[in-house]
Amino acid sequence: MTKDTAQTPDFESALAELEDLVEQLESGELPLEESLKAFEKGIALTRHCQNALKAAELKVKALTENDELVDLDPEAPA
């Protein structure tokens, strides 16, 4: 198992962690090095959330396209 796979949170967990990081950063109480680490982690969580939202949007779009059922399995034969 890779590091990314082991540490990839679901959308809700990532969003909650991002909100906590924002609160910490906005408080101004973190030392500079910790602030930079929190900011870096926040960027990664933001990208993760954006990717999850984009994937969900694409699934919804595929499901509602032309009122036809669409197979969402990317490995299914075309």
Protein backbone atom coordinates (compact mmCIF):
# COMPACT_ATOMS: atom_id res chain seq x y z
CA MET A 1 0.00 0.00 0.00
CA THR A 2 1.42 3.39 -0.94
CA LYS A 3 1.67 6.37 1.36
CA ASP A 4 -1.00 8.23 -0.65
CA THR A 5 -3.44 5.32 -0.51
CA ALA A 6 -2.97 4.84 3.22
CA GLN A 7 -3.51 8.52 3.98
CA THR A 8 -6.21 9.48 1.48
CA PRO A 9 -9.21 10.67 3.52
CA ASP A 10 -12.77 10.63 2.28
CA PHE A 11 -14.22 13.96 1.15
CA GLU A 12 -15.95 14.80 4.42
CA SER A 13 -12.88 14.01 6.53
CA ALA A 14 -10.64 16.02 4.22
CA LEU A 15 -13.01 18.99 4.34
CA ALA A 16 -13.22 18.86 8.16
CA GLU A 17 -9.43 18.69 8.42
CA LEU A 18 -9.11 21.60 6.00
CA GLU A 19 -11.52 23.67 8.10
CA ASP A 20 -9.45 22.92 11.21
CA LEU A 21 -6.26 23.96 9.44
CA VAL A 22 -7.83 27.22 8.30
CA GLU A 23 -8.90 28.00 11.87
CA GLN A 24 -5.38 27.31 13.13
CA LEU A 25 -3.81 29.47 10.45
CA GLU A 26 -6.28 32.30 10.99
CA SER A 27 -5.58 32.30 14.73
CA GLY A 28 -2.02 33.41 14.02
CA GLU A 29 -0.75 31.37 16.95
CA LEU A 30 1.25 28.78 14.99
CA PRO A 31 5.00 29.28 14.63
CA LEU A 32 6.19 30.01 11.09
CA GLU A 33 7.39 26.46 10.33
CA GLU A 34 4.14 24.91 11.56
CA SER A 35 2.15 27.48 9.58
CA LEU A 36 4.01 26.53 6.41
CA LYS A 37 3.40 22.82 7.04
CA ALA A 38 -0.28 23.50 7.74
CA PHE A 39 -0.54 25.59 4.58
CA GLU A 40 1.09 22.84 2.50
CA LYS A 41 -1.27 20.24 3.98
CA GLY A 42 -4.19 22.58 3.30
CA ILE A 43 -3.24 22.88 -0.36
CA ALA A 44 -3.09 19.08 -0.67
CA LEU A 45 -6.48 18.70 1.04
CA THR A 46 -7.98 21.40 -1.19
CA ARG A 47 -6.78 19.57 -4.30
CA HIS A 48 -8.13 16.29 -2.95
CA CYS A 49 -11.54 17.88 -2.30
CA GLN A 50 -11.60 19.53 -5.72
CA ASN A 51 -10.83 16.20 -7.40
CA ALA A 52 -13.54 14.44 -5.40
CA LEU A 53 -16.09 17.12 -6.32
CA LYS A 54 -15.12 16.97 -9.99
CA ALA A 55 -15.49 13.17 -10.00
CA ALA A 56 -18.92 13.44 -8.36
CA GLU A 57 -19.97 16.11 -10.84
CA LEU A 58 -18.92 13.92 -13.77
CA LYS A 59 -20.88 10.96 -12.36
CA VAL A 60 -24.01 13.08 -11.92
CA LYS A 61 -23.59 14.48 -15.43
CA ALA A 62 -23.18 10.98 -16.86
CA LEU A 63 -26.22 9.70 -14.99
CA THR A 64 -28.46 12.53 -16.15
CA GLU A 65 -27.19 12.79 -19.72
CA ASN A 66 -30.04 12.30 -22.20
CA ASP A 67 -32.10 10.58 -19.50
CA GLU A 68 -30.30 7.33 -20.36
CA LEU A 69 -28.53 4.96 -18.01
CA VAL A 70 -24.80 5.17 -18.46
CA ASP A 71 -22.28 2.56 -17.26
CA LEU A 72 -19.88 4.33 -14.90
CA ASP A 73 -17.38 1.47 -14.77
CA PRO A 74 -14.26 2.82 -16.53
CA GLU A 75 -13.05 -0.72 -17.20
CA ALA A 76 -16.27 -1.87 -18.87
CA PRO A 77 -16.04 -2.51 -22.63
CA ALA A 78 -17.44 0.30 -24.73
